[in-house]
Amino acid sequence: MTTTTTNIEGRLQFPDQSPLNVTTQVSLNNGEYLTYSRIDGSFIFYDIPPGVHQLDVHSMTYHFGQIKILLVEDSMDVPKCLEYSYPGATKQPVKYPLVMTTYATYDYFEPKRGFSLFGILKNPMVLMMLVSVGLMLGMPKLMEGLDPEEKEEMRRQMKAQSNPTEMLSQMFSGGGVAGGTSALDDGKTRKERRRAKKD
């Protein structure tokens, strides 16, 4: 018993109304049948048996839809064709012989970005550097408004912070400072001195 077969014909339609090249590969059933488009974009598969067949175009530049072709043994010359523009898309009936048009162009590389000052300011390292420079420039202005005693106290604190051992010893000793007095007592002494100056 011989199986009835038929040919499946179609044509690739590119945006410029001409084929991209003569080596665009077209396949049926994930590579079960393979062919290549001609110089005019047409292609043909020979001796295809009845059943449901999946047609794919393997272009490296353009995206084509996927075609499902139903070949019924009683009407092999008029196959029913459904197109899916992308996987999961709604099916759309298409006429036979097939005319397949492109839906999109593949972009493999991201365009090179130009210089942007705002993009540089988004960098965390640049932000930290700007904050540090701002503190360095603004610290002398802040120091100008302080009393000599407050300046001396700030110097002692900065010196203690630069020496971790001394800073930890002050923390565990209840905040003691040089001279054997606590920070609270030293604060009270400064207040009393200010009152004495006012009087």
C-alpha atoms as a PDB file:
ATOM      1  CA  MET A   1       0.000   0.000   0.000  1.00  0.00           C
ATOM      2  CA  THR A   2       1.464   3.290  -1.098  1.00  0.00           C
ATOM      3  CA  THR A   3       1.104   6.470   0.991  1.00  0.00           C
ATOM      4  CA  THR A   4      -0.175   9.537  -0.791  1.00  0.00           C
ATOM      5  CA  THR A   5       2.296  12.418  -0.612  1.00  0.00           C
ATOM      6  CA  THR A   6       2.337  16.000  -1.803  1.00  0.00           C
ATOM      7  CA  ASN A   7       4.636  18.988  -2.092  1.00  0.00           C
ATOM      8  CA  ILE A   8       4.478  22.018   0.199  1.00  0.00           C
ATOM      9  CA  GLU A   9       5.351  25.302  -1.457  1.00  0.00           C
ATOM     10  CA  GLY A  10       5.861  28.815  -0.129  1.00  0.00           C
ATOM     11  CA  ARG A  11       7.809  32.034  -0.433  1.00  0.00           C
ATOM     12  CA  LEU A  12       9.698  34.240   2.016  1.00  0.00           C
ATOM     13  CA  GLN A  13       8.827  37.928   1.782  1.00  0.00           C
ATOM     14  CA  PHE A  14      11.467  40.274   3.214  1.00  0.00           C
ATOM     15  CA  PRO A  15      10.929  43.983   4.057  1.00  0.00           C
ATOM     16  CA  ASP A  16      12.748  45.188   0.934  1.00  0.00           C
ATOM     17  CA  GLN A  17      10.555  42.924  -1.254  1.00  0.00           C
ATOM     18  CA  SER A  18      13.522  40.712  -2.065  1.00  0.00           C
ATOM     19  CA  PRO A  19      15.109  37.692  -0.342  1.00  0.00           C
ATOM     20  CA  LEU A  20      17.957  38.310   2.077  1.00  0.00           C
ATOM     21  CA  ASN A  21      20.126  35.584   0.589  1.00  0.00           C
ATOM     22  CA  VAL A  22      19.848  32.155  -1.035  1.00  0.00           C
ATOM     23  CA  THR A  23      20.779  30.230   2.109  1.00  0.00           C
ATOM     24  CA  THR A  24      17.792  30.904   4.369  1.00  0.00           C
ATOM     25  CA  GLN A  25      16.954  27.521   5.833  1.00  0.00           C
ATOM     26  CA  VAL A  26      13.352  26.297   6.142  1.00  0.00           C
ATOM     27  CA  SER A  27      12.434  23.162   8.082  1.00  0.00           C
ATOM     28  CA  LEU A  28       9.463  20.927   8.764  1.00  0.00           C
ATOM     29  CA  ASN A  29       8.881  19.153  12.072  1.00  0.00           C
ATOM     30  CA  ASN A  30      12.021  20.462  13.808  1.00  0.00           C
ATOM     31  CA  GLY A  31      14.427  19.324  11.100  1.00  0.00           C
ATOM     32  CA  GLU A  32      12.709  16.181   9.803  1.00  0.00           C
ATOM     33  CA  TYR A  33      12.589  17.873   6.388  1.00  0.00           C
ATOM     34  CA  LEU A  34      15.009  20.610   5.368  1.00  0.00           C
ATOM     35  CA  THR A  35      15.226  22.933   2.383  1.00  0.00           C
ATOM     36  CA  TYR A  36      16.612  26.345   1.421  1.00  0.00           C
ATOM     37  CA  SER A  37      14.960  29.332  -0.198  1.00  0.00           C
ATOM     38  CA  ARG A  38      15.770  30.171  -3.802  1.00  0.00           C
ATOM     39  CA  ILE A  39      17.000  33.544  -5.044  1.00  0.00           C
ATOM     40  CA  ASP A  40      13.399  34.759  -5.394  1.00  0.00           C
ATOM     41  CA  GLY A  41      12.558  33.619  -1.824  1.00  0.00           C
ATOM     42  CA  SER A  42      10.521  30.590  -2.879  1.00  0.00           C
ATOM     43  CA  PHE A  43      10.962  27.157  -1.308  1.00  0.00           C
ATOM     44  CA  ILE A  44       9.436  23.691  -1.708  1.00  0.00           C
ATOM     45  CA  PHE A  45       9.279  20.444   0.255  1.00  0.00           C
ATOM     46  CA  TYR A  46       8.825  17.266  -1.766  1.00  0.00           C
ATOM     47  CA  ASP A  47       6.847  14.134  -0.949  1.00  0.00           C
ATOM     48  CA  ILE A  48       5.320  15.172   2.381  1.00  0.00           C
ATOM     49  CA  PRO A  49       2.899  12.589   3.843  1.00  0.00           C
ATOM     50  CA  PRO A  50      -0.479  13.393   5.444  1.00  0.00           C
ATOM     51  CA  GLY A  51      -0.574  14.727   8.993  1.00  0.00           C
ATOM     52  CA  VAL A  52       0.140  17.887  10.957  1.00  0.00           C
ATOM     53  CA  HIS A  53       3.462  19.514  10.104  1.00  0.00           C
ATOM     54  CA  GLN A  54       5.259  22.468  11.699  1.00  0.00           C
ATOM     55  CA  LEU A  55       7.132  24.849   9.418  1.00  0.00           C
ATOM     56  CA  ASP A  56       9.921  27.109  10.748  1.00  0.00           C
ATOM     57  CA  VAL A  57      12.189  29.643   9.028  1.00  0.00           C
ATOM     58  CA  HIS A  58      15.712  29.789  10.423  1.00  0.00           C
ATOM     59  CA  SER A  59      16.839  33.313   9.601  1.00  0.00           C
ATOM     60  CA  MET A  60      19.619  34.946  11.616  1.00  0.00           C
ATOM     61  CA  THR A  61      18.336  38.450  10.817  1.00  0.00           C
ATOM     62  CA  TYR A  62      14.537  38.374  10.582  1.00  0.00           C
ATOM     63  CA  HIS A  63      11.852  36.736  12.702  1.00  0.00           C
ATOM     64  CA  PHE A  64       9.146  34.811  10.828  1.00  0.00           C
ATOM     65  CA  GLY A  65       6.017  33.274  12.240  1.00  0.00           C
ATOM     66  CA  GLN A  66       5.524  29.546  12.744  1.00  0.00           C
ATOM     67  CA  ILE A  67       3.137  27.689  10.412  1.00  0.00           C
ATOM     68  CA  LYS A  68       1.096  24.596  11.304  1.00  0.00           C
ATOM     69  CA  ILE A  69       0.061  22.694   8.158  1.00  0.00           C
ATOM     70  CA  LEU A  70      -2.693  20.068   8.145  1.00  0.00           C
ATOM     71  CA  LEU A  71      -2.556  17.624   5.247  1.00  0.00           C
ATOM     72  CA  VAL A  72      -5.666  15.466   4.917  1.00  0.00           C
ATOM     73  CA  GLU A  73      -5.379  12.426   2.664  1.00  0.00           C
ATOM     74  CA  ASP A  74      -8.628  13.180   0.824  1.00  0.00           C
ATOM     75  CA  SER A  75      -7.598  16.791  -0.002  1.00  0.00           C
ATOM     76  CA  MET A  76      -3.811  16.860  -0.122  1.00  0.00           C
ATOM     77  CA  ASP A  77      -3.689  19.641  -2.713  1.00  0.00           C
ATOM     78  CA  VAL A  78      -5.480  22.143  -0.425  1.00  0.00           C
ATOM     79  CA  PRO A  79      -3.777  22.011   3.002  1.00  0.00           C
ATOM     80  CA  LYS A  80      -5.139  23.973   5.961  1.00  0.00           C
ATOM     81  CA  CYS A  81      -2.540  26.386   7.356  1.00  0.00           C
ATOM     82  CA  LEU A  82      -2.456  28.286  10.655  1.00  0.00           C
ATOM     83  CA  GLU A  83       0.202  30.860  11.554  1.00  0.00           C
ATOM     84  CA  TYR A  84       1.535  31.760  15.014  1.00  0.00           C
ATOM     85  CA  SER A  85       3.436  35.055  14.867  1.00  0.00           C
ATOM     86  CA  TYR A  86       5.366  34.000  18.000  1.00  0.00           C
ATOM     87  CA  PRO A  87       5.152  31.054  20.449  1.00  0.00           C
ATOM     88  CA  GLY A  88       1.901  31.294  22.404  1.00  0.00           C
ATOM     89  CA  ALA A  89       0.324  33.867  20.066  1.00  0.00           C
ATOM     90  CA  THR A  90      -3.230  33.594  18.736  1.00  0.00           C
ATOM     91  CA  LYS A  91      -3.442  31.408  15.644  1.00  0.00           C
ATOM     92  CA  GLN A  92      -4.384  33.018  12.335  1.00  0.00           C
ATOM     93  CA  PRO A  93      -5.452  31.176   9.182  1.00  0.00           C
ATOM     94  CA  VAL A  94      -3.250  31.835   6.137  1.00  0.00           C
ATOM     95  CA  LYS A  95      -3.718  31.082   2.479  1.00  0.00           C
ATOM     96  CA  TYR A  96      -1.877  28.449   0.479  1.00  0.00           C
ATOM     97  CA  PRO A  97       0.626  28.652  -1.261  1.00  0.00           C
ATOM     98  CA  LEU A  98       2.347  30.205   1.719  1.00  0.00           C
ATOM     99  CA  VAL A  99       3.674  33.778   1.665  1.00  0.00           C
ATOM    100  CA  MET A 100       5.646  34.364   4.862  1.00  0.00           C
ATOM    101  CA  THR A 101       6.496  37.927   5.899  1.00  0.00           C
ATOM    102  CA  THR A 102       8.810  39.118   8.633  1.00  0.00           C
ATOM    103  CA  TYR A 103       7.540  40.313  12.014  1.00  0.00           C
ATOM    104  CA  ALA A 104      10.696  41.692  13.613  1.00  0.00           C
ATOM    105  CA  THR A 105      14.446  42.059  13.282  1.00  0.00           C
ATOM    106  CA  TYR A 106      16.871  40.404  15.665  1.00  0.00           C
ATOM    107  CA  ASP A 107      19.189  42.702  17.625  1.00  0.00           C
ATOM    108  CA  TYR A 108      22.149  40.806  19.058  1.00  0.00           C
ATOM    109  CA  PHE A 109      24.083  43.752  20.493  1.00  0.00           C
ATOM    110  CA  GLU A 110      23.050  46.619  22.729  1.00  0.00           C
ATOM    111  CA  PRO A 111      23.767  50.043  21.192  1.00  0.00           C
ATOM    112  CA  LYS A 112      26.787  51.804  22.660  1.00  0.00           C
ATOM    113  CA  ARG A 113      25.792  54.458  25.156  1.00  0.00           C
ATOM    114  CA  GLY A 114      27.144  57.963  24.776  1.00  0.00           C
ATOM    115  CA  PHE A 115      28.727  60.099  27.468  1.00  0.00           C
ATOM    116  CA  SER A 116      26.258  61.177  30.157  1.00  0.00           C
ATOM    117  CA  LEU A 117      27.104  63.345  33.165  1.00  0.00           C
ATOM    118  CA  PHE A 118      23.953  62.148  34.935  1.00  0.00           C
ATOM    119  CA  GLY A 119      25.099  58.536  34.447  1.00  0.00           C
ATOM    120  CA  ILE A 120      28.419  59.340  36.160  1.00  0.00           C
ATOM    121  CA  LEU A 121      26.603  60.910  39.118  1.00  0.00           C
ATOM    122  CA  LYS A 122      24.665  57.656  39.583  1.00  0.00           C
ATOM    123  CA  ASN A 123      27.898  55.849  40.410  1.00  0.00           C
ATOM    124  CA  PRO A 124      28.082  55.209  44.215  1.00  0.00           C
ATOM    125  CA  MET A 125      31.845  55.733  44.287  1.00  0.00           C
ATOM    126  CA  VAL A 126      31.493  59.163  42.646  1.00  0.00           C
ATOM    127  CA  LEU A 127      28.782  60.123  45.161  1.00  0.00           C
ATOM    128  CA  MET A 128      30.991  59.083  48.098  1.00  0.00           C
ATOM    129  CA  MET A 129      33.880  61.089  46.687  1.00  0.00           C
ATOM    130  CA  LEU A 130      31.696  64.192  46.268  1.00  0.00           C
ATOM    131  CA  VAL A 131      30.398  63.893  49.836  1.00  0.00           C
ATOM    132  CA  SER A 132      33.952  63.527  51.164  1.00  0.00           C
ATOM    133  CA  VAL A 133      35.112  66.587  49.231  1.00  0.00           C
ATOM    134  CA  GLY A 134      32.106  68.529  50.510  1.00  0.00           C
ATOM    135  CA  LEU A 135      32.925  67.629  54.106  1.00  0.00           C
ATOM    136  CA  MET A 136      36.574  68.604  53.630  1.00  0.00           C
ATOM    137  CA  LEU A 137      35.579  71.998  52.231  1.00  0.00           C
ATOM    138  CA  GLY A 138      32.800  72.618  54.731  1.00  0.00           C
ATOM    139  CA  MET A 139      34.602  71.524  57.908  1.00  0.00           C
ATOM    140  CA  PRO A 140      36.771  74.696  58.215  1.00  0.00           C
ATOM    141  CA  LYS A 141      33.616  76.828  57.926  1.00  0.00           C
ATOM    142  CA  LEU A 142      32.003  74.852  60.733  1.00  0.00           C
ATOM    143  CA  MET A 143      35.109  75.144  62.901  1.00  0.00           C
ATOM    144  CA  GLU A 144      35.122  78.949  62.610  1.00  0.00           C
ATOM    145  CA  GLY A 145      31.909  79.283  64.626  1.00  0.00           C
ATOM    146  CA  LEU A 146      33.112  77.149  67.545  1.00  0.00           C
ATOM    147  CA  ASP A 147      34.626  78.321  70.811  1.00  0.00           C
ATOM    148  CA  PRO A 148      38.287  77.472  71.481  1.00  0.00           C
ATOM    149  CA  GLU A 149      37.208  74.946  74.127  1.00  0.00           C
ATOM    150  CA  GLU A 150      34.809  73.241  71.728  1.00  0.00           C
ATOM    151  CA  LYS A 151      37.535  73.130  69.078  1.00  0.00           C
ATOM    152  CA  GLU A 152      39.892  71.500  71.567  1.00  0.00           C
ATOM    153  CA  GLU A 153      37.214  68.978  72.529  1.00  0.00           C
ATOM    154  CA  MET A 154      36.602  68.152  68.862  1.00  0.00           C
ATOM    155  CA  ARG A 155      40.325  67.665  68.295  1.00  0.00           C
ATOM    156  CA  ARG A 156      40.475  65.248  71.228  1.00  0.00           C
ATOM    157  CA  GLN A 157      37.516  63.283  69.852  1.00  0.00           C
ATOM    158  CA  MET A 158      39.037  63.113  66.382  1.00  0.00           C
ATOM    159  CA  LYS A 159      42.319  61.957  67.883  1.00  0.00           C
ATOM    160  CA  ALA A 160      40.510  59.253  69.854  1.00  0.00           C
ATOM    161  CA  GLN A 161      38.678  58.096  66.720  1.00  0.00           C
ATOM    162  CA  SER A 162      41.943  57.817  64.827  1.00  0.00           C
ATOM    163  CA  ASN A 163      43.198  55.454  67.543  1.00  0.00           C
ATOM    164  CA  PRO A 164      40.710  52.566  67.932  1.00  0.00           C
ATOM    165  CA  THR A 165      42.357  51.289  71.127  1.00  0.00           C
ATOM    166  CA  GLU A 166      41.965  54.633  72.872  1.00  0.00           C
ATOM    167  CA  MET A 167      38.376  55.004  71.639  1.00  0.00           C
ATOM    168  CA  LEU A 168      37.406  51.548  72.972  1.00  0.00           C
ATOM    169  CA  SER A 169      39.065  52.239  76.323  1.00  0.00           C
ATOM    170  CA  GLN A 170      37.034  55.454  76.663  1.00  0.00           C
ATOM    171  CA  MET A 171      33.809  53.634  75.791  1.00  0.00           C
ATOM    172  CA  PHE A 172      34.320  50.881  78.395  1.00  0.00           C
ATOM    173  CA  SER A 173      35.560  53.328  81.048  1.00  0.00           C
ATOM    174  CA  GLY A 174      32.323  55.319  80.966  1.00  0.00           C
ATOM    175  CA  GLY A 175      33.378  58.013  78.463  1.00  0.00           C
ATOM    176  CA  GLY A 176      36.423  59.247  80.389  1.00  0.00           C
ATOM    177  CA  VAL A 177      38.692  61.794  78.751  1.00  0.00           C
ATOM    178  CA  ALA A 178      42.204  63.036  79.381  1.00  0.00           C
ATOM    179  CA  GLY A 179      42.615  64.574  82.792  1.00  0.00           C
ATOM    180  CA  GLY A 180      40.505  61.946  84.623  1.00  0.00           C
ATOM    181  CA  THR A 181      37.090  63.683  84.198  1.00  0.00           C
ATOM    182  CA  SER A 182      34.091  62.243  82.418  1.00  0.00           C
ATOM    183  CA  ALA A 183      32.521  63.825  79.347  1.00  0.00           C
ATOM    184  CA  LEU A 184      29.448  64.809  81.393  1.00  0.00           C
ATOM    185  CA  ASP A 185      31.524  66.530  84.079  1.00  0.00           C
ATOM    186  CA  ASP A 186      33.573  68.289  81.423  1.00  0.00           C
ATOM    187  CA  GLY A 187      30.358  69.523  79.796  1.00  0.00           C
ATOM    188  CA  LYS A 188      29.142  70.939  83.114  1.00  0.00           C
ATOM    189  CA  THR A 189      32.495  72.646  83.645  1.00  0.00           C
ATOM    190  CA  ARG A 190      32.261  74.369  80.241  1.00  0.00           C
ATOM    191  CA  LYS A 191      28.775  75.635  81.028  1.00  0.00           C
ATOM    192  CA  GLU A 192      29.933  77.011  84.372  1.00  0.00           C
ATOM    193  CA  ARG A 193      32.859  78.769  82.659  1.00  0.00           C
ATOM    194  CA  ARG A 194      30.538  80.360  80.121  1.00  0.00           C
ATOM    195  CA  ARG A 195      28.248  81.629  82.876  1.00  0.00           C
ATOM    196  CA  ALA A 196      31.249  83.039  84.695  1.00  0.00           C
ATOM    197  CA  LYS A 197      32.336  84.897  81.533  1.00  0.00           C
ATOM    198  CA  LYS A 198      28.862  86.354  81.065  1.00  0.00           C
ATOM    199  CA  ASP A 199      28.760  87.528  84.694  1.00  0.00           C
END
